[in-house]
Every structure is written in structure tokens, then in C-alpha cells.
PDB file of N, CA and C in Angstrom:
ATOM      1  N   MET A   1       0.868  -1.172  -0.090  1.00  0.00           N
ATOM      2  CA  MET A   1      -0.041   0.018   0.008  1.00  0.00           C
ATOM      3  C   MET A   1       0.815   1.222  -0.031  1.00  0.00           C
ATOM      4  N   PRO A   2       1.031   1.839  -1.173  1.00  0.00           N
ATOM      5  CA  PRO A   2       1.924   3.144  -1.229  1.00  0.00           C
ATOM      6  C   PRO A   2       1.221   4.311  -0.512  1.00  0.00           C
ATOM      7  N   TYR A   3       2.099   5.069   0.096  1.00  0.00           N
ATOM      8  CA  TYR A   3       1.657   6.229   0.957  1.00  0.00           C
ATOM      9  C   TYR A   3       2.690   7.286   0.984  1.00  0.00           C
ATOM     10  N   LEU A   4       2.190   8.488   1.435  1.00  0.00           N
ATOM     11  CA  LEU A   4       2.965   9.643   1.643  1.00  0.00           C
ATOM     12  C   LEU A   4       2.668  10.131   3.024  1.00  0.00           C
ATOM     13  N   ASN A   5       3.749  10.288   3.781  1.00  0.00           N
ATOM     14  CA  ASN A   5       3.844  11.027   5.053  1.00  0.00           C
ATOM     15  C   ASN A   5       4.271  12.373   4.850  1.00  0.00           C
ATOM     16  N   THR A   6       3.579  13.436   5.508  1.00  0.00           N
ATOM     17  CA  THR A   6       4.100  14.761   5.276  1.00  0.00           C
ATOM     18  C   THR A   6       3.450  15.709   6.210  1.00  0.00           C
ATOM     19  N   ASN A   7       4.100  16.812   6.572  1.00  0.00           N
ATOM     20  CA  ASN A   7       3.516  17.788   7.366  1.00  0.00           C
ATOM     21  C   ASN A   7       2.968  19.054   6.600  1.00  0.00           C
ATOM     22  N   ASN A   8       3.169  19.023   5.278  1.00  0.00           N
ATOM     23  CA  ASN A   8       2.791  19.953   4.393  1.00  0.00           C
ATOM     24  C   ASN A   8       1.303  19.716   3.933  1.00  0.00           C
ATOM     25  N   VAL A   9       0.351  20.467   4.421  1.00  0.00           N
ATOM     26  CA  VAL A   9      -0.996  20.202   4.215  1.00  0.00           C
ATOM     27  C   VAL A   9      -1.366  20.477   2.630  1.00  0.00           C
ATOM     28  N   GLU A  10      -0.690  21.417   1.971  1.00  0.00           N
ATOM     29  CA  GLU A  10      -1.008  21.748   0.560  1.00  0.00           C
ATOM     30  C   GLU A  10      -0.661  20.523  -0.255  1.00  0.00           C
ATOM     31  N   LEU A  11       0.658  19.949   0.029  1.00  0.00           N
ATOM     32  CA  LEU A  11       1.120  18.807  -0.779  1.00  0.00           C
ATOM     33  C   LEU A  11       0.170  17.558  -0.478  1.00  0.00           C
ATOM     34  N   ALA A  12      -0.234  17.397   0.809  1.00  0.00           N
ATOM     35  CA  ALA A  12      -1.076  16.316   1.125  1.00  0.00           C
ATOM     36  C   ALA A  12      -2.565  16.461   0.336  1.00  0.00           C
ATOM     37  N   ILE A  13      -3.061  17.474   0.365  1.00  0.00           N
ATOM     38  CA  ILE A  13      -4.330  17.746  -0.261  1.00  0.00           C
ATOM     39  C   ILE A  13      -4.245  17.657  -1.895  1.00  0.00           C
ATOM     40  N   GLY A  14      -3.084  18.267  -2.313  1.00  0.00           N
ATOM     41  CA  GLY A  14      -2.843  18.110  -3.754  1.00  0.00           C
ATOM     42  C   GLY A  14      -2.608  16.666  -4.292  1.00  0.00           C
ATOM     43  N   PHE A  15      -1.938  15.884  -3.520  1.00  0.00           N
ATOM     44  CA  PHE A  15      -1.711  14.506  -3.861  1.00  0.00           C
ATOM     45  C   PHE A  15      -3.081  13.649  -3.728  1.00  0.00           C
ATOM     46  N   HIS A  16      -3.775  13.989  -2.663  1.00  0.00           N
ATOM     47  CA  HIS A  16      -5.115  13.299  -2.419  1.00  0.00           C
ATOM     48  C   HIS A  16      -6.020  13.652  -3.595  1.00  0.00           C
ATOM     49  N   ASP A  17      -6.173  14.929  -4.012  1.00  0.00           N
ATOM     50  CA  ASP A  17      -6.967  15.355  -5.138  1.00  0.00           C
ATOM     51  C   ASP A  17      -6.586  14.657  -6.435  1.00  0.00           C
ATOM     52  N   HIS A  18      -5.254  14.609  -6.623  1.00  0.00           N
ATOM     53  CA  HIS A  18      -4.716  13.996  -7.959  1.00  0.00           C
ATOM     54  C   HIS A  18      -5.120  12.549  -7.953  1.00  0.00           C
ATOM     55  N   ILE A  19      -4.956  11.905  -6.811  1.00  0.00           N
ATOM     56  CA  ILE A  19      -5.345  10.385  -6.933  1.00  0.00           C
ATOM     57  C   ILE A  19      -6.925  10.294  -7.124  1.00  0.00           C
ATOM     58  N   ASN A  20      -7.720  11.089  -6.461  1.00  0.00           N
ATOM     59  CA  ASN A  20      -9.120  10.906  -6.673  1.00  0.00           C
ATOM     60  C   ASN A  20      -9.529  11.368  -8.022  1.00  0.00           C
ATOM     61  N   LYS A  21      -9.002  12.306  -8.566  1.00  0.00           N
ATOM     62  CA  LYS A  21      -9.351  12.804  -9.989  1.00  0.00           C
ATOM     63  C   LYS A  21      -9.083  11.733 -10.997  1.00  0.00           C
ATOM     64  N   LYS A  22      -7.930  11.101 -10.906  1.00  0.00           N
ATOM     65  CA  LYS A  22      -7.444  10.041 -11.789  1.00  0.00           C
ATOM     66  C   LYS A  22      -8.298   8.739 -11.621  1.00  0.00           C
ATOM     67  N   LEU A  23      -8.717   8.495 -10.356  1.00  0.00           N
ATOM     68  CA  LEU A  23      -9.616   7.286 -10.127  1.00  0.00           C
ATOM     69  C   LEU A  23     -10.963   7.565 -10.681  1.00  0.00           C
ATOM     70  N   LEU A  24     -11.461   8.758 -10.550  1.00  0.00           N
ATOM     71  CA  LEU A  24     -12.792   9.276 -11.075  1.00  0.00           C
ATOM     72  C   LEU A  24     -12.783   9.065 -12.505  1.00  0.00           C
ATOM     73  N   GLU A  25     -11.725   9.505 -13.256  1.00  0.00           N
ATOM     74  CA  GLU A  25     -11.703   9.383 -14.716  1.00  0.00           C
ATOM     75  C   GLU A  25     -11.635   8.007 -15.173  1.00  0.00           C
ATOM     76  N   LYS A  26     -10.806   7.082 -14.489  1.00  0.00           N
ATOM     77  CA  LYS A  26     -10.706   5.773 -14.884  1.00  0.00           C
ATOM     78  C   LYS A  26     -11.782   4.810 -14.395  1.00  0.00           C
ATOM     79  N   LYS A  27     -12.133   4.875 -13.232  1.00  0.00           N
ATOM     80  CA  LYS A  27     -13.156   3.896 -12.607  1.00  0.00           C
ATOM     81  C   LYS A  27     -14.470   4.508 -12.218  1.00  0.00           C
ATOM     82  N   GLY A  28     -14.521   5.843 -12.106  1.00  0.00           N
ATOM     83  CA  GLY A  28     -15.891   6.418 -11.756  1.00  0.00           C
ATOM     84  C   GLY A  28     -16.153   6.469 -10.219  1.00  0.00           C
ATOM     85  N   TYR A  29     -15.028   6.432  -9.545  1.00  0.00           N
ATOM     86  CA  TYR A  29     -15.116   6.499  -7.977  1.00  0.00           C
ATOM     87  C   TYR A  29     -13.862   7.186  -7.535  1.00  0.00           C
ATOM     88  N   MET A  30     -13.933   7.645  -6.282  1.00  0.00           N
ATOM     89  CA  MET A  30     -12.845   8.179  -5.565  1.00  0.00           C
ATOM     90  C   MET A  30     -12.419   7.373  -4.391  1.00  0.00           C
ATOM     91  N   GLY A  31     -11.176   7.212  -4.029  1.00  0.00           N
ATOM     92  CA  GLY A  31     -10.791   6.278  -2.939  1.00  0.00           C
ATOM     93  C   GLY A  31      -9.504   6.465  -2.274  1.00  0.00           C
ATOM     94  N   ALA A  32      -8.868   7.622  -2.406  1.00  0.00           N
ATOM     95  CA  ALA A  32      -7.627   7.842  -1.806  1.00  0.00           C
ATOM     96  C   ALA A  32      -7.919   8.048  -0.243  1.00  0.00           C
ATOM     97  N   LYS A  33      -7.004   7.568   0.563  1.00  0.00           N
ATOM     98  CA  LYS A  33      -7.258   7.725   2.020  1.00  0.00           C
ATOM     99  C   LYS A  33      -6.431   8.878   2.542  1.00  0.00           C
ATOM    100  N   PHE A  34      -7.061   9.788   3.256  1.00  0.00           N
ATOM    101  CA  PHE A  34      -6.438  10.851   3.881  1.00  0.00           C
ATOM    102  C   PHE A  34      -6.523  10.723   5.436  1.00  0.00           C
ATOM    103  N   THR A  35      -5.427  10.679   6.095  1.00  0.00           N
ATOM    104  CA  THR A  35      -5.465  10.581   7.420  1.00  0.00           C
ATOM    105  C   THR A  35      -4.778  11.768   8.118  1.00  0.00           C
ATOM    106  N   SER A  36      -5.433  12.396   9.012  1.00  0.00           N
ATOM    107  CA  SER A  36      -4.791  13.518   9.881  1.00  0.00           C
ATOM    108  C   SER A  36      -4.559  12.937  11.304  1.00  0.00           C
ATOM    109  N   ARG A  37      -3.266  12.861  11.561  1.00  0.00           N
ATOM    110  CA  ARG A  37      -2.920  12.240  12.817  1.00  0.00           C
ATOM    111  C   ARG A  37      -3.097  13.289  13.886  1.00  0.00           C
ATOM    112  N   VAL A  38      -3.520  12.746  15.156  1.00  0.00           N
ATOM    113  CA  VAL A  38      -3.701  13.562  16.320  1.00  0.00           C
ATOM    114  C   VAL A  38      -2.732  13.191  17.450  1.00  0.00           C
ATOM    115  N   ASP A  39      -2.197  12.051  17.326  1.00  0.00           N
ATOM    116  CA  ASP A  39      -1.308  11.559  18.438  1.00  0.00           C
ATOM    117  C   ASP A  39       0.158  12.215  18.263  1.00  0.00           C
ATOM    118  N   GLU A  40       0.591  12.955  19.182  1.00  0.00           N
ATOM    119  CA  GLU A  40       1.843  13.758  19.082  1.00  0.00           C
ATOM    120  C   GLU A  40       3.040  12.873  18.761  1.00  0.00           C
ATOM    121  N   LYS A  41       3.122  11.632  19.374  1.00  0.00           N
ATOM    122  CA  LYS A  41       4.224  10.749  19.147  1.00  0.00           C
ATOM    123  C   LYS A  41       4.309  10.286  17.683  1.00  0.00           C
ATOM    124  N   PHE A  42       3.141  10.180  17.072  1.00  0.00           N
ATOM    125  CA  PHE A  42       3.108   9.669  15.712  1.00  0.00           C
ATOM    126  C   PHE A  42       3.273  10.870  14.757  1.00  0.00           C
ATOM    127  N   ILE A  43       2.821  11.952  15.085  1.00  0.00           N
ATOM    128  CA  ILE A  43       3.103  13.241  14.378  1.00  0.00           C
ATOM    129  C   ILE A  43       4.572  13.548  14.292  1.00  0.00           C
ATOM    130  N   LYS A  44       5.387  13.439  15.388  1.00  0.00           N
ATOM    131  CA  LYS A  44       6.691  13.606  15.452  1.00  0.00           C
ATOM    132  C   LYS A  44       7.528  12.607  14.607  1.00  0.00           C
ATOM    133  N   LYS A  45       6.994  11.398  14.710  1.00  0.00           N
ATOM    134  CA  LYS A  45       7.710  10.374  13.960  1.00  0.00           C
ATOM    135  C   LYS A  45       7.439  10.282  12.470  1.00  0.00           C
ATOM    136  N   TYR A  46       6.175  10.417  12.130  1.00  0.00           N
ATOM    137  CA  TYR A  46       5.785  10.393  10.643  1.00  0.00           C
ATOM    138  C   TYR A  46       5.311  11.474   9.933  1.00  0.00           C
ATOM    139  N   GLY A  47       4.786  12.607  10.725  1.00  0.00           N
ATOM    140  CA  GLY A  47       4.297  13.646  10.134  1.00  0.00           C
ATOM    141  C   GLY A  47       2.740  13.713  10.421  1.00  0.00           C
ATOM    142  N   LYS A  48       2.207  14.867  10.196  1.00  0.00           N
ATOM    143  CA  LYS A  48       0.754  15.118  10.576  1.00  0.00           C
ATOM    144  C   LYS A  48      -0.223  14.500   9.585  1.00  0.00           C
ATOM    145  N   PHE A  49       0.167  14.249   8.270  1.00  0.00           N
ATOM    146  CA  PHE A  49      -0.832  13.774   7.340  1.00  0.00           C
ATOM    147  C   PHE A  49      -0.261  12.631   6.606  1.00  0.00           C
ATOM    148  N   ARG A  50      -1.175  11.666   6.322  1.00  0.00           N
ATOM    149  CA  ARG A  50      -0.817  10.478   5.467  1.00  0.00           C
ATOM    150  C   ARG A  50      -1.929  10.293   4.393  1.00  0.00           C
ATOM    151  N   ILE A  51      -1.403  10.105   3.229  1.00  0.00           N
ATOM    152  CA  ILE A  51      -2.235   9.915   1.989  1.00  0.00           C
ATOM    153  C   ILE A  51      -1.874   8.535   1.441  1.00  0.00           C
ATOM    154  N   GLY A  52      -2.834   7.672   1.176  1.00  0.00           N
ATOM    155  CA  GLY A  52      -2.494   6.333   0.831  1.00  0.00           C
ATOM    156  C   GLY A  52      -3.313   5.832  -0.305  1.00  0.00           C
ATOM    157  N   LEU A  53      -2.754   5.031  -1.164  1.00  0.00           N
ATOM    158  CA  LEU A  53      -3.488   4.279  -2.189  1.00  0.00           C
ATOM    159  C   LEU A  53      -3.439   2.813  -1.828  1.00  0.00           C
ATOM    160  N   ASN A  54      -4.431   2.005  -2.240  1.00  0.00           N
ATOM    161  CA  ASN A  54      -4.325   0.642  -2.010  1.00  0.00           C
ATOM    162  C   ASN A  54      -3.592  -0.074  -3.051  1.00  0.00           C
ATOM    163  N   ASP A  55      -3.518  -1.484  -2.795  1.00  0.00           N
ATOM    164  CA  ASP A  55      -2.608  -2.074  -3.900  1.00  0.00           C
ATOM    165  C   ASP A  55      -3.336  -2.297  -5.244  1.00  0.00           C
ATOM    166  N   PHE A  56      -4.521  -2.045  -5.328  1.00  0.00           N
ATOM    167  CA  PHE A  56      -5.177  -2.108  -6.603  1.00  0.00           C
ATOM    168  C   PHE A  56      -5.088  -0.669  -7.329  1.00  0.00           C
ATOM    169  N   GLN A  57      -5.176   0.458  -6.496  1.00  0.00           N
ATOM    170  CA  GLN A  57      -5.177   1.808  -7.163  1.00  0.00           C
ATOM    171  C   GLN A  57      -3.887   2.095  -7.716  1.00  0.00           C
ATOM    172  N   SER A  58      -2.826   1.748  -6.954  1.00  0.00           N
ATOM    173  CA  SER A  58      -1.493   2.039  -7.347  1.00  0.00           C
ATOM    174  C   SER A  58      -1.074   1.622  -8.756  1.00  0.00           C
ATOM    175  N   PRO A  59      -1.198   0.316  -9.159  1.00  0.00           N
ATOM    176  CA  PRO A  59      -0.935  -0.060 -10.507  1.00  0.00           C
ATOM    177  C   PRO A  59      -1.902   0.419 -11.545  1.00  0.00           C
ATOM    178  N   LEU A  60      -3.192   0.514 -11.193  1.00  0.00           N
ATOM    179  CA  LEU A  60      -4.135   1.098 -11.990  1.00  0.00           C
ATOM    180  C   LEU A  60      -3.829   2.511 -12.459  1.00  0.00           C
ATOM    181  N   LEU A  61      -3.287   3.431 -11.651  1.00  0.00           N
ATOM    182  CA  LEU A  61      -2.952   4.743 -11.992  1.00  0.00           C
ATOM    183  C   LEU A  61      -1.497   4.866 -12.324  1.00  0.00           C
ATOM    184  N   GLY A  62      -0.662   3.718 -12.168  1.00  0.00           N
ATOM    185  CA  GLY A  62       0.637   3.956 -12.519  1.00  0.00           C
ATOM    186  C   GLY A  62       1.387   4.816 -11.596  1.00  0.00           C
ATOM    187  N   ILE A  63       1.013   4.858 -10.381  1.00  0.00           N
ATOM    188  CA  ILE A  63       1.771   5.681  -9.295  1.00  0.00           C
ATOM    189  C   ILE A  63       2.256   4.846  -8.363  1.00  0.00           C
ATOM    190  N   ALA A  64       3.592   4.837  -8.253  1.00  0.00           N
ATOM    191  CA  ALA A  64       4.307   4.002  -7.262  1.00  0.00           C
ATOM    192  C   ALA A  64       5.678   4.734  -6.817  1.00  0.00           C
ATOM    193  N   PRO A  65       5.978   4.464  -5.625  1.00  0.00           N
ATOM    194  CA  PRO A  65       7.204   5.193  -5.086  1.00  0.00           C
ATOM    195  C   PRO A  65       8.390   4.684  -5.948  1.00  0.00           C
ATOM    196  N   GLN A  66       9.410   5.617  -6.210  1.00  0.00           N
ATOM    197  CA  GLN A  66      10.537   5.276  -7.098  1.00  0.00           C
ATOM    198  C   GLN A  66      11.443   4.454  -6.383  1.00  0.00           C
ATOM    199  N   ASN A  67      11.516   4.386  -5.000  1.00  0.00           N
ATOM    200  CA  ASN A  67      12.455   3.536  -4.267  1.00  0.00           C
ATOM    201  C   ASN A  67      11.971   2.008  -4.216  1.00  0.00           C
ATOM    202  N   GLY A  68      10.900   1.725  -4.823  1.00  0.00           N
ATOM    203  CA  GLY A  68      10.363   0.363  -4.833  1.00  0.00           C
ATOM    204  C   GLY A  68       9.629  -0.103  -3.582  1.00  0.00           C
ATOM    205  N   GLY A  69       9.751   0.734  -2.542  1.00  0.00           N
ATOM    206  CA  GLY A  69       9.142   0.531  -1.289  1.00  0.00           C
ATOM    207  C   GLY A  69       7.724   0.999  -1.222  1.00  0.00           C
ATOM    208  N   GLY A  70       7.288   1.287  -0.058  1.00  0.00           N
ATOM    209  CA  GLY A  70       5.917   1.701   0.052  1.00  0.00           C
ATOM    210  C   GLY A  70       5.725   3.270   0.253  1.00  0.00           C
ATOM    211  N   MET A  71       6.768   3.972   0.501  1.00  0.00           N
ATOM    212  CA  MET A  71       6.663   5.281   0.904  1.00  0.00           C
ATOM    213  C   MET A  71       7.136   6.335  -0.217  1.00  0.00           C
ATOM    214  N   PHE A  72       6.277   7.229  -0.572  1.00  0.00           N
ATOM    215  CA  PHE A  72       6.689   8.328  -1.544  1.00  0.00           C
ATOM    216  C   PHE A  72       7.556   9.323  -0.756  1.00  0.00           C
ATOM    217  N   THR A  73       8.376  10.041  -1.433  1.00  0.00           N
ATOM    218  CA  THR A  73       9.131  11.176  -0.843  1.00  0.00           C
ATOM    219  C   THR A  73       8.213  12.430  -1.299  1.00  0.00           C
ATOM    220  N   GLU A  74       8.458  13.510  -0.511  1.00  0.00           N
ATOM    221  CA  GLU A  74       7.762  14.838  -0.927  1.00  0.00           C
ATOM    222  C   GLU A  74       8.158  15.164  -2.343  1.00  0.00           C
ATOM    223  N   GLU A  75       9.450  14.987  -2.578  1.00  0.00           N
ATOM    224  CA  GLU A  75       9.954  15.489  -3.795  1.00  0.00           C
ATOM    225  C   GLU A  75       9.365  14.702  -5.031  1.00  0.00           C
ATOM    226  N   GLU A  76       9.027  13.430  -4.942  1.00  0.00           N
ATOM    227  CA  GLU A  76       8.350  12.711  -5.900  1.00  0.00           C
ATOM    228  C   GLU A  76       6.951  13.271  -6.141  1.00  0.00           C
ATOM    229  N   ILE A  77       6.270  13.576  -5.162  1.00  0.00           N
ATOM    230  CA  ILE A  77       4.916  14.088  -5.227  1.00  0.00           C
ATOM    231  C   ILE A  77       4.953  15.442  -5.924  1.00  0.00           C
ATOM    232  N   ILE A  78       5.829  16.238  -5.453  1.00  0.00           N
ATOM    233  CA  ILE A  78       5.957  17.554  -5.998  1.00  0.00           C
ATOM    234  C   ILE A  78       6.188  17.527  -7.544  1.00  0.00           C
ATOM    235  N   GLU A  79       6.995  16.562  -8.032  1.00  0.00           N
ATOM    236  CA  GLU A  79       7.304  16.452  -9.437  1.00  0.00           C
ATOM    237  C   GLU A  79       6.043  15.875 -10.159  1.00  0.00           C
ATOM    238  N   LEU A  80       5.415  14.877  -9.399  1.00  0.00           N
ATOM    239  CA  LEU A  80       4.136  14.191 -10.067  1.00  0.00           C
ATOM    240  C   LEU A  80       3.150  15.353 -10.393  1.00  0.00           C
ATOM    241  N   LEU A  81       2.873  16.203  -9.275  1.00  0.00           N
ATOM    242  CA  LEU A  81       1.903  17.292  -9.363  1.00  0.00           C
ATOM    243  C   LEU A  81       2.249  18.245 -10.379  1.00  0.00           C
ATOM    244  N   LYS A  82       3.583  18.620 -10.575  1.00  0.00           N
ATOM    245  CA  LYS A  82       4.010  19.536 -11.620  1.00  0.00           C
ATOM    246  C   LYS A  82       3.684  18.986 -13.004  1.00  0.00           C
ATOM    247  N   GLN A  83       3.973  17.782 -13.189  1.00  0.00           N
ATOM    248  CA  GLN A  83       3.725  17.140 -14.533  1.00  0.00           C
ATOM    249  C   GLN A  83       2.264  17.071 -14.983  1.00  0.00           C
ATOM    250  N   ASN A  84       1.370  17.201 -14.006  1.00  0.00           N
ATOM    251  CA  ASN A  84      -0.057  17.062 -14.149  1.00  0.00           C
ATOM    252  C   ASN A  84      -0.820  18.269 -14.004  1.00  0.00           C
ATOM    253  N   ASP A  85      -0.080  19.493 -14.063  1.00  0.00           N
ATOM    254  CA  ASP A  85      -0.746  20.839 -13.828  1.00  0.00           C
ATOM    255  C   ASP A  85      -1.406  21.161 -15.173  1.00  0.00           C
TER     256      ASP A  85
END
């Protein structure tokens, strides 16, 4: 399940909207998961926001972390959003 952890609310919302727009175009539904953390220990460790795709959505949209793992970097998402402006 690929995801982005960030403290940048604009980046989190931008990525969330990007995923949902692409899903709506391809499949007629929206399904990106947006989590706003409230527990301080997890905010310090991971960041305030988490945006995730499930294992079906990622290959369908062709969106996957470059490192081959499960976590996107903020730089990857910034570049992705620039390409799709």
C-alpha cells in the first residue's frame, strides 16, 4: 500500500486530489485515503498527514514510489503534481 507522510497540508491535499481525480476518470469513483494524525508521538515520527493508495489503485494509476518500497518522498509528489498541472 503506497503512501505519503508529510507535514505539508497543501502537498497532502494536492496528492489526495490528484489520486481521486485520476480514479474518477478511470473507474468512476474516488478512494484515496487521507489521514490526519492527532497523536503527538506519531506526528513527530511520521508527520501530521498520511495519504495512501491501496494495492489495486497504485498499478491502475501507474503511481508507485521510485524507491520500490511503500513510501513516496515529498520530492516525488511535487514532481508528479508539476507534471499534471
